[in-house]
Amino acid sequence: MEHPIYRVISFEKVGAYTLRIVFDDNTIQTIDFHPVLKGALYGALEDEILFDQVSIDPEVHTLVWPNGADFDPATLHDWPQYAESMKKLAEKWDRETIPTK
C-alpha cells in the first residue's frame, strides 16, 4: 500500500487552537486541535502561548512545536478521516498521564 506524501506549505491561526493549513496539492484543512491536546506530548500545547509557537519543519514539511510535538502531514491532510480516532487516542493518552494514587 502506497503512503501518500504531503507537505505543509503554509498555515494561519484562525481561532484558539485552530489552524488553517495549506498543502502542496492545494488542499486546505482547518483543524481545531484542542480535542487532541492531551497526554505528555500534546497536552503541553494546551498552553496557548506554546501552541502559538507552531512552525513548519523545513525538512519534513509538517507542523512542529518547540516541545517536539508534531503530526504526520498525511494525517493533517486527511484530518476528517482521522479526527475521531485521534480524539480517542487523546483520551487514552490523557488517562495514561493521570497519576494514580
Protein backbone atom coordinates (compact mmCIF):
# COMPACT_ATOMS: atom_id res chain seq x y z
CA MET A 1 0.00 0.00 0.00
CA GLU A 2 1.38 3.35 -1.02
CA HIS A 3 1.57 6.02 1.66
CA PRO A 4 0.94 9.43 0.09
CA ILE A 5 3.43 12.15 0.90
CA TYR A 6 2.09 15.62 1.50
CA ARG A 7 3.89 18.77 2.51
CA VAL A 8 2.55 21.61 4.58
CA ILE A 9 3.41 24.81 2.72
CA SER A 10 1.68 27.38 4.93
CA PHE A 11 -0.72 27.84 7.82
CA GLU A 12 -2.53 30.57 9.67
CA LYS A 13 -4.16 30.72 13.05
CA VAL A 14 -7.91 31.23 12.64
CA GLY A 15 -9.02 30.67 16.24
CA ALA A 16 -7.89 29.32 19.58
CA TYR A 17 -6.03 26.08 18.86
CA THR A 18 -7.35 26.21 15.28
CA LEU A 19 -5.15 26.37 12.20
CA ARG A 20 -5.94 26.61 8.51
CA ILE A 21 -3.27 24.50 6.81
CA VAL A 22 -2.36 24.60 3.10
CA PHE A 23 -0.69 21.59 1.47
CA ASP A 24 1.44 21.25 -1.63
CA ASP A 25 -1.50 19.79 -3.59
CA ASN A 26 -3.58 22.92 -2.76
CA THR A 27 -5.72 21.04 -0.25
CA ILE A 28 -6.73 23.18 2.72
CA GLN A 29 -7.73 21.79 6.11
CA THR A 30 -8.99 23.85 9.03
CA ILE A 31 -8.27 21.87 12.18
CA ASP A 32 -9.29 22.54 15.77
CA PHE A 33 -6.50 20.77 17.64
CA HIS A 34 -7.95 21.35 21.12
CA PRO A 35 -9.71 17.94 21.35
CA VAL A 36 -6.38 16.12 20.84
CA LEU A 37 -4.22 18.22 23.16
CA LYS A 38 -3.86 15.53 25.81
CA GLY A 39 -1.13 13.36 27.21
CA ALA A 40 2.53 14.01 27.89
CA LEU A 41 3.48 15.40 24.47
CA TYR A 42 0.39 17.14 23.12
CA GLY A 43 -1.08 18.16 26.48
CA ALA A 44 1.60 20.81 26.88
CA LEU A 45 0.12 22.56 23.84
CA GLU A 46 -2.96 23.49 25.86
CA ASP A 47 -0.77 26.41 26.90
CA GLU A 48 -1.86 28.70 24.09
CA ILE A 49 1.44 30.59 24.19
CA LEU A 50 3.26 27.32 23.40
CA PHE A 51 0.63 26.28 20.84
CA ASP A 52 1.11 29.58 19.01
CA GLN A 53 4.82 28.83 18.56
CA VAL A 54 3.96 26.33 15.82
CA SER A 55 6.14 26.41 12.73
CA ILE A 56 6.80 24.37 9.60
CA ASP A 57 9.73 22.00 9.82
CA PRO A 58 11.87 22.77 6.74
CA GLU A 59 12.97 19.16 6.31
CA VAL A 60 9.79 17.13 6.78
CA HIS A 61 7.30 19.90 5.88
CA THR A 62 4.89 19.39 8.72
CA LEU A 63 3.78 21.42 11.71
CA VAL A 64 6.11 21.26 14.69
CA TRP A 65 6.17 22.83 18.15
CA PRO A 66 9.17 23.70 20.35
CA ASN A 67 8.41 20.80 22.73
CA GLY A 68 8.89 18.26 19.91
CA ALA A 69 5.19 17.71 19.16
CA ASP A 70 4.29 17.20 15.52
CA PHE A 71 1.77 15.40 13.33
CA ASP A 72 2.27 13.30 10.22
CA PRO A 73 1.44 15.61 7.31
CA ALA A 74 -0.68 12.85 5.72
CA THR A 75 -2.79 12.74 8.89
CA LEU A 76 -3.23 16.52 8.78
CA HIS A 77 -4.05 16.38 5.06
CA ASP A 78 -6.78 13.79 5.61
CA TRP A 79 -7.86 15.06 9.04
CA PRO A 80 -11.61 14.39 8.59
CA GLN A 81 -10.79 10.68 8.25
CA TYR A 82 -8.64 10.68 11.39
CA ALA A 83 -10.30 13.24 13.70
CA GLU A 84 -12.45 10.80 15.65
CA SER A 85 -9.71 8.20 16.12
CA MET A 86 -7.28 10.96 17.14
CA LYS A 87 -9.75 12.13 19.81
CA LYS A 88 -10.00 8.57 21.15
CA LEU A 89 -6.21 8.28 21.22
CA ALA A 90 -6.00 11.60 23.06
CA GLU A 91 -8.40 10.31 25.72
CA LYS A 92 -6.15 7.27 26.14
CA TRP A 93 -3.05 9.49 26.38
CA ASP A 94 -4.82 11.60 28.99
CA ARG A 95 -5.67 8.55 31.11
CA GLU A 96 -2.06 7.36 30.87
CA THR A 97 -0.71 10.67 32.20
CA ILE A 98 -3.08 10.94 35.17
CA PRO A 99 -1.14 9.80 38.24
CA THR A 100 -2.76 7.00 40.20
CA LYS A 101 -2.87 7.16 43.99
